[in-house]
Amino acid sequence: MSNTIPDRRREGRQRLLTEVRCRLAPGQSPEVWLTEISVTGCQILVREGLIAQDQYVVIKPKGIEGLPGRVKWLLGEAAGIEFEQPLHAAVLAHLLTGGRAPSTYKGSEFVDQFGRRMPSRAPLAPSSRTVRSVL
């Protein structure tokens, strides 16, 4: 069985794979994977249970100021962050050119710096996302 969920994003998103810090609370800034970004938000991969929906976070990429925002959705280890302010085009370009694919990158498979496989991602659809129930 499959249901289609409309894509409510205001801006197109781009894939990348780079490590960033995510400040969750004073003294708590784990490294997470930044996997998608647009001018209005991003998607990160973070250990389940570490953040909550509607939590305030600051994404801290290397070389630029922190990007404050709120957790809008959670799905397993993936979290969607909506930025407080839209990114300037130059900041988005910097992030996209600074992202890297690990040397063991294989097609659509992402691995971390130790060669461990990251959660698989379904292909992105511009206007809808398909959710399948497992029974």
Protein backbone atom coordinates (compact mmCIF):
# COMPACT_ATOMS: atom_id res chain seq x y z
CA MET A 1 0.00 0.00 0.00
CA SER A 2 1.35 3.43 -0.79
CA ASN A 3 0.21 6.96 -0.02
CA THR A 4 1.45 10.17 -1.61
CA ILE A 5 2.28 13.03 0.71
CA PRO A 6 2.43 16.47 -0.95
CA ASP A 7 5.80 18.19 -0.81
CA ARG A 8 5.21 21.44 1.06
CA ARG A 9 8.71 22.89 0.60
CA ARG A 10 8.83 26.48 -0.56
CA GLU A 11 12.21 26.15 -2.27
CA GLY A 12 14.01 23.49 -4.26
CA ARG A 13 16.56 21.48 -2.33
CA GLN A 14 20.01 20.22 -3.22
CA ARG A 15 21.79 17.10 -2.02
CA LEU A 16 25.19 17.21 -0.39
CA LEU A 17 27.05 15.24 2.22
CA THR A 18 29.10 17.10 4.77
CA GLU A 19 29.67 17.01 8.51
CA VAL A 20 28.48 19.97 10.56
CA ARG A 21 27.96 20.69 14.24
CA CYS A 22 24.40 20.98 15.51
CA ARG A 23 24.06 22.96 18.74
CA LEU A 24 21.14 21.45 20.63
CA ALA A 25 21.71 23.05 24.03
CA PRO A 26 24.58 24.80 25.82
CA GLY A 27 27.54 22.41 25.78
CA GLN A 28 25.78 19.92 23.48
CA SER A 29 26.94 20.20 19.85
CA PRO A 30 27.32 16.78 18.23
CA GLU A 31 28.61 16.35 14.70
CA VAL A 32 25.81 15.40 12.30
CA TRP A 33 25.51 14.80 8.56
CA LEU A 34 24.03 17.60 6.47
CA THR A 35 22.41 15.75 3.54
CA GLU A 36 20.07 18.27 1.84
CA ILE A 37 19.84 22.05 1.84
CA SER A 38 17.77 24.89 0.40
CA VAL A 39 17.60 28.59 1.20
CA THR A 40 14.83 27.92 3.75
CA GLY A 41 16.06 24.78 5.50
CA CYS A 42 18.05 21.59 5.53
CA GLN A 43 17.96 17.91 6.37
CA ILE A 44 20.40 16.35 8.81
CA LEU A 45 21.06 12.81 9.97
CA VAL A 46 21.35 12.59 13.74
CA ARG A 47 21.11 9.77 16.27
CA GLU A 48 17.46 8.98 17.04
CA GLY A 49 16.18 10.45 20.28
CA LEU A 50 18.79 13.21 20.40
CA ILE A 51 16.44 15.96 19.18
CA ALA A 52 12.71 16.62 19.30
CA GLN A 53 10.20 18.18 16.95
CA ASP A 54 9.97 22.00 17.29
CA GLN A 55 13.33 22.09 19.13
CA TYR A 56 15.52 25.14 18.53
CA VAL A 57 18.89 24.19 16.98
CA VAL A 58 21.85 25.96 15.39
CA ILE A 59 23.53 24.28 12.42
CA LYS A 60 27.22 25.23 12.46
CA PRO A 61 29.01 24.46 9.18
CA LYS A 62 32.78 24.99 9.06
CA GLY A 63 33.77 28.47 7.94
CA ILE A 64 30.45 30.31 8.36
CA GLU A 65 28.21 31.62 11.12
CA GLY A 66 25.69 29.30 12.75
CA LEU A 67 22.31 28.86 11.06
CA PRO A 68 19.52 28.97 13.67
CA GLY A 69 16.29 27.13 13.04
CA ARG A 70 13.63 24.75 14.34
CA VAL A 71 13.13 21.02 13.87
CA LYS A 72 10.02 20.74 11.68
CA TRP A 73 9.90 16.95 11.24
CA LEU A 74 11.64 13.75 12.33
CA LEU A 75 11.76 10.41 10.54
CA GLY A 76 14.14 7.88 12.08
CA GLU A 77 17.61 9.44 12.01
CA ALA A 78 16.56 12.19 9.56
CA ALA A 79 15.41 15.60 10.75
CA GLY A 80 14.13 18.58 8.77
CA ILE A 81 15.27 22.00 9.97
CA GLU A 82 13.57 25.24 8.94
CA PHE A 83 15.97 28.20 9.15
CA GLU A 84 14.87 31.34 11.02
CA GLN A 85 16.02 33.48 8.09
CA PRO A 86 16.47 32.41 4.45
CA LEU A 87 20.09 31.83 3.43
CA HIS A 88 21.84 34.33 1.20
CA ALA A 89 22.66 32.79 -2.20
CA ALA A 90 26.42 33.13 -1.49
CA VAL A 91 26.09 31.15 1.76
CA LEU A 92 24.16 28.39 -0.02
CA ALA A 93 26.78 28.29 -2.80
CA HIS A 94 29.58 28.05 -0.19
CA LEU A 95 27.88 25.12 1.52
CA LEU A 96 27.24 23.31 -1.75
CA THR A 97 30.83 23.64 -2.93
CA GLY A 98 32.16 22.69 0.52
CA GLY A 99 30.18 19.41 0.69
CA ARG A 100 32.06 16.27 -0.20
CA ALA A 101 31.33 12.72 -1.16
CA PRO A 102 33.42 10.14 0.72
CA SER A 103 35.99 8.27 -1.36
CA THR A 104 33.91 5.09 -1.05
CA TYR A 105 30.81 6.77 -2.50
CA LYS A 106 28.82 4.35 -4.69
CA GLY A 107 25.99 5.83 -6.71
CA SER A 108 23.20 6.74 -4.31
CA GLU A 109 24.84 5.02 -1.31
CA PHE A 110 26.37 7.30 1.32
CA VAL A 111 29.00 6.11 3.78
CA ASP A 112 30.60 7.91 6.71
CA GLN A 113 34.31 8.61 7.19
CA PHE A 114 34.77 5.07 8.55
CA GLY A 115 33.15 3.40 5.54
CA ARG A 116 29.90 2.54 7.36
CA ARG A 117 26.78 2.69 5.17
CA MET A 118 24.49 5.61 5.96
CA PRO A 119 20.69 5.13 5.87
CA SER A 120 19.49 4.70 2.30
CA ARG A 121 17.53 7.53 0.77
CA ALA A 122 14.65 7.29 -1.67
CA PRO A 123 15.01 9.36 -4.86
CA LEU A 124 13.76 12.91 -4.47
CA ALA A 125 10.55 13.82 -6.24
CA PRO A 126 9.94 17.51 -6.98
CA SER A 127 6.33 17.60 -5.85
CA SER A 128 5.54 14.50 -3.78
CA ARG A 129 7.00 11.90 -1.50
CA THR A 130 5.82 8.30 -1.35
CA VAL A 131 5.40 6.58 1.98
CA ARG A 132 5.01 2.82 2.04
CA SER A 133 3.65 0.90 4.98
CA VAL A 134 5.33 -2.36 5.84
CA LEU A 135 2.94 -5.15 6.78
